[in-house]
Every structure is written in C-alpha cells, then in structure tokens.
Amino acid sequence: TGSTDATKRIAAGYTDKIYDLTWNDDFSAARNFAFS
C-alpha cells in the first residue's frame, strides 16, 4: 500500500506470499483484502 523502501524485497526472503493492494484511502478495504 505505497511502500517505497525495500520492505517487499526483505519480506520476500521469508515468504512467497506477498500481495499488492493499491491504496484507495480506505482502511477497511485494506483490512478486508488482508482477511480474504
């Protein structure tokens, strides 16, 4: 959701489950995406 540092690259070293979500200024949508 807008990370501009190496967070995704670092996390990819620990898991293959990396998901992208375009931020639309809606925390509940991000939460629901994470739950799905």
PDB file of N, CA and C in Angstrom:
ATOM      1  N   THR A   1       0.833  -1.205   0.000  1.00  0.00           N
ATOM      2  CA  THR A   1       0.000   0.000   0.000  1.00  0.00           C
ATOM      3  C   THR A   1       0.863   1.248   0.000  1.00  0.00           C
ATOM      4  N   GLY A   2       1.804   1.310  -0.875  1.00  0.00           N
ATOM      5  CA  GLY A   2       2.593   2.520  -1.027  1.00  0.00           C
ATOM      6  C   GLY A   2       3.995   2.466  -0.462  1.00  0.00           C
ATOM      7  N   SER A   3       4.461   1.307  -0.078  1.00  0.00           N
ATOM      8  CA  SER A   3       5.816   1.206   0.454  1.00  0.00           C
ATOM      9  C   SER A   3       6.819   1.587  -0.624  1.00  0.00           C
ATOM     10  N   THR A   4       7.758   2.447  -0.269  1.00  0.00           N
ATOM     11  CA  THR A   4       8.769   2.873  -1.238  1.00  0.00           C
ATOM     12  C   THR A   4      10.167   2.424  -0.837  1.00  0.00           C
ATOM     13  N   ASP A   5      10.260   1.640   0.227  1.00  0.00           N
ATOM     14  CA  ASP A   5      11.562   1.141   0.646  1.00  0.00           C
ATOM     15  C   ASP A   5      11.698  -0.328   0.249  1.00  0.00           C
ATOM     16  N   ALA A   6      12.588  -1.036   0.874  1.00  0.00           N
ATOM     17  CA  ALA A   6      12.879  -2.423   0.493  1.00  0.00           C
ATOM     18  C   ALA A   6      12.034  -3.437   1.258  1.00  0.00           C
ATOM     19  N   THR A   7      10.925  -3.008   1.840  1.00  0.00           N
ATOM     20  CA  THR A   7      10.107  -3.892   2.672  1.00  0.00           C
ATOM     21  C   THR A   7       9.690  -5.153   1.928  1.00  0.00           C
ATOM     22  N   LYS A   8       9.168  -5.007   0.715  1.00  0.00           N
ATOM     23  CA  LYS A   8       8.705  -6.188  -0.035  1.00  0.00           C
ATOM     24  C   LYS A   8       9.855  -7.123  -0.369  1.00  0.00           C
ATOM     25  N   ARG A   9      10.987  -6.572  -0.735  1.00  0.00           N
ATOM     26  CA  ARG A   9      12.141  -7.409  -1.078  1.00  0.00           C
ATOM     27  C   ARG A   9      12.615  -8.179   0.153  1.00  0.00           C
ATOM     28  N   ILE A  10      12.653  -7.522   1.289  1.00  0.00           N
ATOM     29  CA  ILE A  10      13.078  -8.184   2.521  1.00  0.00           C
ATOM     30  C   ILE A  10      12.081  -9.273   2.901  1.00  0.00           C
ATOM     31  N   ALA A  11      10.794  -8.961   2.856  1.00  0.00           N
ATOM     32  CA  ALA A  11       9.765  -9.941   3.214  1.00  0.00           C
ATOM     33  C   ALA A  11       9.800 -11.136   2.274  1.00  0.00           C
ATOM     34  N   ALA A  12      10.121 -10.904   1.006  1.00  0.00           N
ATOM     35  CA  ALA A  12      10.171 -11.991   0.030  1.00  0.00           C
ATOM     36  C   ALA A  12      11.238 -13.018   0.389  1.00  0.00           C
ATOM     37  N   GLY A  13      12.203 -12.634   1.192  1.00  0.00           N
ATOM     38  CA  GLY A  13      13.214 -13.577   1.648  1.00  0.00           C
ATOM     39  C   GLY A  13      12.677 -14.561   2.677  1.00  0.00           C
ATOM     40  N   TYR A  14      11.499 -14.272   3.213  1.00  0.00           N
ATOM     41  CA  TYR A  14      10.910 -15.110   4.255  1.00  0.00           C
ATOM     42  C   TYR A  14       9.632 -15.821   3.827  1.00  0.00           C
ATOM     43  N   THR A  15       8.981 -15.332   2.772  1.00  0.00           N
ATOM     44  CA  THR A  15       7.724 -15.936   2.321  1.00  0.00           C
ATOM     45  C   THR A  15       7.516 -15.654   0.841  1.00  0.00           C
ATOM     46  N   ASP A  16       6.710 -16.484   0.209  1.00  0.00           N
ATOM     47  CA  ASP A  16       6.360 -16.217  -1.186  1.00  0.00           C
ATOM     48  C   ASP A  16       4.963 -15.611  -1.284  1.00  0.00           C
ATOM     49  N   LYS A  17       4.367 -15.319  -0.152  1.00  0.00           N
ATOM     50  CA  LYS A  17       3.010 -14.764  -0.125  1.00  0.00           C
ATOM     51  C   LYS A  17       3.071 -13.251   0.074  1.00  0.00           C
ATOM     52  N   ILE A  18       3.419 -12.550  -0.989  1.00  0.00           N
ATOM     53  CA  ILE A  18       3.483 -11.093  -0.995  1.00  0.00           C
ATOM     54  C   ILE A  18       2.369 -10.597  -1.911  1.00  0.00           C
ATOM     55  N   TYR A  19       1.539  -9.731  -1.388  1.00  0.00           N
ATOM     56  CA  TYR A  19       0.388  -9.244  -2.145  1.00  0.00           C
ATOM     57  C   TYR A  19       0.469  -7.734  -2.297  1.00  0.00           C
ATOM     58  N   ASP A  20      -0.002  -7.237  -3.428  1.00  0.00           N
ATOM     59  CA  ASP A  20      -0.056  -5.801  -3.680  1.00  0.00           C
ATOM     60  C   ASP A  20      -1.494  -5.333  -3.628  1.00  0.00           C
ATOM     61  N   LEU A  21      -1.704  -4.200  -2.993  1.00  0.00           N
ATOM     62  CA  LEU A  21      -3.021  -3.579  -2.934  1.00  0.00           C
ATOM     63  C   LEU A  21      -2.836  -2.100  -3.199  1.00  0.00           C
ATOM     64  N   THR A  22      -3.481  -1.594  -4.215  1.00  0.00           N
ATOM     65  CA  THR A  22      -3.429  -0.168  -4.490  1.00  0.00           C
ATOM     66  C   THR A  22      -4.220   0.563  -3.420  1.00  0.00           C
ATOM     67  N   TRP A  23      -3.569   1.524  -2.754  1.00  0.00           N
ATOM     68  CA  TRP A  23      -4.203   2.243  -1.653  1.00  0.00           C
ATOM     69  C   TRP A  23      -5.270   3.186  -2.199  1.00  0.00           C
ATOM     70  N   ASN A  24      -6.488   3.055  -1.667  1.00  0.00           N
ATOM     71  CA  ASN A  24      -7.591   3.917  -2.102  1.00  0.00           C
ATOM     72  C   ASN A  24      -8.168   4.706  -0.924  1.00  0.00           C
ATOM     73  N   ASP A  25      -7.307   4.988   0.070  1.00  0.00           N
ATOM     74  CA  ASP A  25      -7.685   5.797   1.232  1.00  0.00           C
ATOM     75  C   ASP A  25      -8.828   5.173   2.015  1.00  0.00           C
ATOM     76  N   ASP A  26      -8.789   3.840   2.161  1.00  0.00           N
ATOM     77  CA  ASP A  26      -9.871   3.122   2.834  1.00  0.00           C
ATOM     78  C   ASP A  26      -9.274   1.976   3.653  1.00  0.00           C
ATOM     79  N   PHE A  27      -9.116   2.216   4.961  1.00  0.00           N
ATOM     80  CA  PHE A  27      -8.514   1.202   5.823  1.00  0.00           C
ATOM     81  C   PHE A  27      -9.345  -0.073   5.877  1.00  0.00           C
ATOM     82  N   SER A  28     -10.663   0.047   5.843  1.00  0.00           N
ATOM     83  CA  SER A  28     -11.491  -1.161   5.918  1.00  0.00           C
ATOM     84  C   SER A  28     -11.330  -2.010   4.665  1.00  0.00           C
ATOM     85  N   ALA A  29     -11.135  -1.390   3.517  1.00  0.00           N
ATOM     86  CA  ALA A  29     -10.902  -2.157   2.290  1.00  0.00           C
ATOM     87  C   ALA A  29      -9.576  -2.912   2.384  1.00  0.00           C
ATOM     88  N   ALA A  30      -8.552  -2.273   2.949  1.00  0.00           N
ATOM     89  CA  ALA A  30      -7.259  -2.946   3.121  1.00  0.00           C
ATOM     90  C   ALA A  30      -7.389  -4.101   4.107  1.00  0.00           C
ATOM     91  N   ARG A  31      -8.122  -3.886   5.187  1.00  0.00           N
ATOM     92  CA  ARG A  31      -8.344  -4.954   6.175  1.00  0.00           C
ATOM     93  C   ARG A  31      -9.072  -6.125   5.531  1.00  0.00           C
ATOM     94  N   ASN A  32     -10.123  -5.830   4.779  1.00  0.00           N
ATOM     95  CA  ASN A  32     -10.898  -6.893   4.135  1.00  0.00           C
ATOM     96  C   ASN A  32     -10.054  -7.639   3.111  1.00  0.00           C
ATOM     97  N   PHE A  33      -9.181  -6.937   2.403  1.00  0.00           N
ATOM     98  CA  PHE A  33      -8.280  -7.581   1.455  1.00  0.00           C
ATOM     99  C   PHE A  33      -7.356  -8.548   2.196  1.00  0.00           C
ATOM    100  N   ALA A  34      -6.854  -8.119   3.348  1.00  0.00           N
ATOM    101  CA  ALA A  34      -5.958  -8.974   4.132  1.00  0.00           C
ATOM    102  C   ALA A  34      -6.682 -10.207   4.650  1.00  0.00           C
ATOM    103  N   PHE A  35      -7.945 -10.066   5.001  1.00  0.00           N
ATOM    104  CA  PHE A  35      -8.718 -11.201   5.503  1.00  0.00           C
ATOM    105  C   PHE A  35      -9.097 -12.182   4.398  1.00  0.00           C
ATOM    106  N   SER A  36      -9.153 -11.710   3.165  1.00  0.00           N
ATOM    107  CA  SER A  36      -9.607 -12.579   2.062  1.00  0.00           C
ATOM    108  C   SER A  36      -8.525 -13.516   1.573  1.00  0.00           C
TER     109      SER A  36
END
